[in-house]
Every structure is written in C-alpha cells, then in structure tokens.
Amino acid sequence: MLLALILSSVALAAAAQIVLKHGMNQATHRLGHPFRFDGTDVRTVVRTPAVWFGLILFGLSAIVWLAVLSRAALSYAYPFAALTYVVIVAYDTVRGEAVSGLRWAGVAFIVAGIILVSRTPHGGPGSA
C-alpha cells in the first residue's frame, strides 16, 4: 500500500510538471516572450487552463503525499520524489528531445539510490 501511494504521488507530480510546462508554452506563445513577473504576463498565465490543471494535479499529489507521510519516515519516502525526474526524462525522450548520456547516467544513479533506500525499514507514524 505504501509503495502504491508513493508511486501515485510521484505520477501525479510528474504529470503536473508536464501539464504546467504545456501551459507555460501556451502562455509564452501568446505573450511572444518568456514569462516576466508583470501584470500582463501574470494575467495571461492565470487565464491559461493548462496551468490551472497542472496546479490541481500538484494539489492532488500533495494530498496523496500527506497519506505517505502518515505512514513512513520522511528519510524513507522523500528520495522516491526523485522518480519524478526519471519520468520527465523518459517523457522528453518519447517526445523526441535529445537526452544526453550524462543525463541518463544521472537517472541511473537516481534509480540506484532509490533501490537502496527502498531496501531499508520505512519507519512509521512518528518517525523522523
């Protein structure tokens, strides 16, 4: 159950990042320049539905993460959040973006670290 909750939170967070990126691409296209913290840009971003959907996904991820935190030590659960990066790199690869060997080496280290952490006791309520 714990692993399913962790992976659900990771999947929702990764989806949120992907949707937010899509929303910001849309906003940037409408603006004609990268986002700046001024009134026009903020209004454009706030009026972009994909940005709102991404934020909702982040909210859902946070709710699931709260369930994780109620069941496991933070030092056990938090390294799994790095899987979000693994999902994003895989997504970029599927989309045809060039991903360097060095980046894939980093992904391999992340996965190796998570495997090591997953083999330790996860603690429980009240764990540090």
Protein backbone atom coordinates (compact mmCIF):
# COMPACT_ATOMS: atom_id res chain seq x y z
CA MET A 1 0.00 0.00 0.00
CA LEU A 2 2.80 2.43 0.90
CA LEU A 3 4.63 1.94 -2.38
CA ALA A 4 1.38 2.41 -4.32
CA LEU A 5 0.77 5.72 -2.53
CA ILE A 6 4.33 6.89 -3.17
CA LEU A 7 4.16 5.98 -6.86
CA SER A 8 0.74 7.65 -7.18
CA SER A 9 2.11 10.87 -5.70
CA VAL A 10 5.15 10.70 -8.00
CA ALA A 11 2.98 10.08 -11.07
CA LEU A 12 0.67 12.98 -10.20
CA ALA A 13 3.64 15.31 -9.57
CA ALA A 14 5.28 14.34 -12.86
CA ALA A 15 2.00 14.81 -14.73
CA ALA A 16 1.62 18.19 -13.04
CA GLN A 17 5.07 19.27 -14.27
CA ILE A 18 4.31 18.14 -17.81
CA VAL A 19 0.94 19.91 -17.87
CA LEU A 20 2.42 23.07 -16.33
CA LYS A 21 5.15 23.08 -18.98
CA HIS A 22 2.49 22.74 -21.68
CA GLY A 23 0.51 25.58 -20.14
CA MET A 24 3.54 27.84 -19.91
CA ASN A 25 4.42 27.04 -23.53
CA GLN A 26 0.92 28.19 -24.47
CA ALA A 27 1.21 31.36 -22.38
CA THR A 28 4.68 32.12 -23.74
CA HIS A 29 3.39 31.70 -27.29
CA ARG A 30 0.58 34.18 -26.60
CA LEU A 31 2.95 36.62 -24.87
CA GLY A 32 5.65 36.40 -27.50
CA HIS A 33 8.38 36.29 -24.84
CA PRO A 34 9.36 34.26 -21.75
CA PHE A 35 7.31 34.89 -18.61
CA ARG A 36 8.06 38.05 -16.66
CA PHE A 37 6.57 38.99 -13.33
CA ASP A 38 4.41 41.83 -14.57
CA GLY A 39 0.67 42.33 -14.69
CA THR A 40 0.13 41.39 -18.33
CA ASP A 41 2.16 38.19 -18.08
CA VAL A 42 0.54 37.12 -14.80
CA ARG A 43 -2.93 37.71 -16.25
CA THR A 44 -2.05 35.65 -19.33
CA VAL A 45 -0.75 32.75 -17.22
CA VAL A 46 -3.75 32.88 -14.87
CA ARG A 47 -6.06 32.66 -17.90
CA THR A 48 -4.34 29.52 -19.22
CA PRO A 49 -6.41 26.41 -18.37
CA ALA A 50 -3.45 24.01 -18.59
CA VAL A 51 -1.70 25.96 -15.84
CA TRP A 52 -4.73 25.55 -13.58
CA PHE A 53 -4.97 21.85 -14.41
CA GLY A 54 -1.28 21.40 -13.56
CA LEU A 55 -1.78 23.15 -10.23
CA ILE A 56 -4.76 20.91 -9.48
CA LEU A 57 -2.61 17.86 -10.22
CA PHE A 58 0.03 19.21 -7.83
CA GLY A 59 -2.66 19.62 -5.18
CA LEU A 60 -3.78 16.02 -5.65
CA SER A 61 -0.17 14.89 -5.46
CA ALA A 62 0.23 16.77 -2.18
CA ILE A 63 -2.86 15.12 -0.71
CA VAL A 64 -1.55 11.67 -1.61
CA TRP A 65 1.87 12.68 -0.24
CA LEU A 66 0.25 13.52 3.10
CA ALA A 67 -1.02 9.93 3.26
CA VAL A 68 2.53 8.75 2.55
CA LEU A 69 3.96 10.93 5.30
CA SER A 70 1.48 9.50 7.79
CA ARG A 71 2.85 6.00 7.08
CA ALA A 72 6.61 6.37 6.58
CA ALA A 73 9.66 8.25 7.78
CA LEU A 74 10.46 11.26 5.62
CA SER A 75 14.00 9.99 5.07
CA TYR A 76 12.49 6.84 3.52
CA ALA A 77 9.72 8.44 1.46
CA TYR A 78 11.33 11.62 0.16
CA PRO A 79 14.01 10.05 -2.06
CA PHE A 80 11.20 8.49 -4.12
CA ALA A 81 10.21 12.01 -5.16
CA ALA A 82 13.31 11.94 -7.39
CA LEU A 83 11.44 9.44 -9.56
CA THR A 84 9.59 12.47 -10.90
CA TYR A 85 12.80 13.44 -12.68
CA VAL A 86 13.12 9.94 -14.14
CA VAL A 87 9.57 10.18 -15.52
CA ILE A 88 10.26 13.62 -17.00
CA VAL A 89 13.44 12.43 -18.77
CA ALA A 90 11.55 9.43 -20.16
CA TYR A 91 8.74 11.76 -21.31
CA ASP A 92 11.22 14.06 -23.05
CA THR A 93 12.79 11.05 -24.77
CA VAL A 94 9.41 9.82 -26.02
CA ARG A 95 8.70 13.34 -27.33
CA GLY A 96 11.90 13.17 -29.35
CA GLU A 97 14.02 15.57 -27.33
CA ALA A 98 17.71 14.76 -27.21
CA VAL A 99 18.72 13.45 -23.79
CA SER A 100 22.46 13.20 -23.28
CA GLY A 101 24.27 10.15 -21.98
CA LEU A 102 25.35 12.17 -18.96
CA ARG A 103 21.71 12.86 -18.11
CA TRP A 104 20.89 9.16 -18.46
CA ALA A 105 23.83 8.38 -16.14
CA GLY A 106 22.25 10.71 -13.60
CA VAL A 107 18.94 8.87 -13.99
CA ALA A 108 20.77 5.57 -13.36
CA PHE A 109 22.24 6.98 -10.13
CA ILE A 110 18.82 8.20 -9.02
CA VAL A 111 17.27 4.78 -9.66
CA ALA A 112 20.15 3.03 -7.88
CA GLY A 113 19.74 5.32 -4.88
CA ILE A 114 16.01 4.71 -4.71
CA ILE A 115 16.56 0.95 -4.89
CA LEU A 116 18.97 1.22 -1.95
CA VAL A 117 16.56 3.36 0.08
CA SER A 118 13.64 1.04 -0.70
CA ARG A 119 15.52 -1.84 0.94
CA THR A 120 15.64 -0.09 4.32
CA PRO A 121 12.93 -0.09 7.00
CA HIS A 122 10.38 2.64 6.27
CA GLY A 123 9.53 3.62 9.80
CA GLY A 124 6.00 4.63 10.54
CA PRO A 125 3.87 7.22 12.32
CA GLY A 126 6.00 9.45 14.47
CA SER A 127 9.17 8.57 12.55
CA ALA A 128 11.55 11.42 11.94
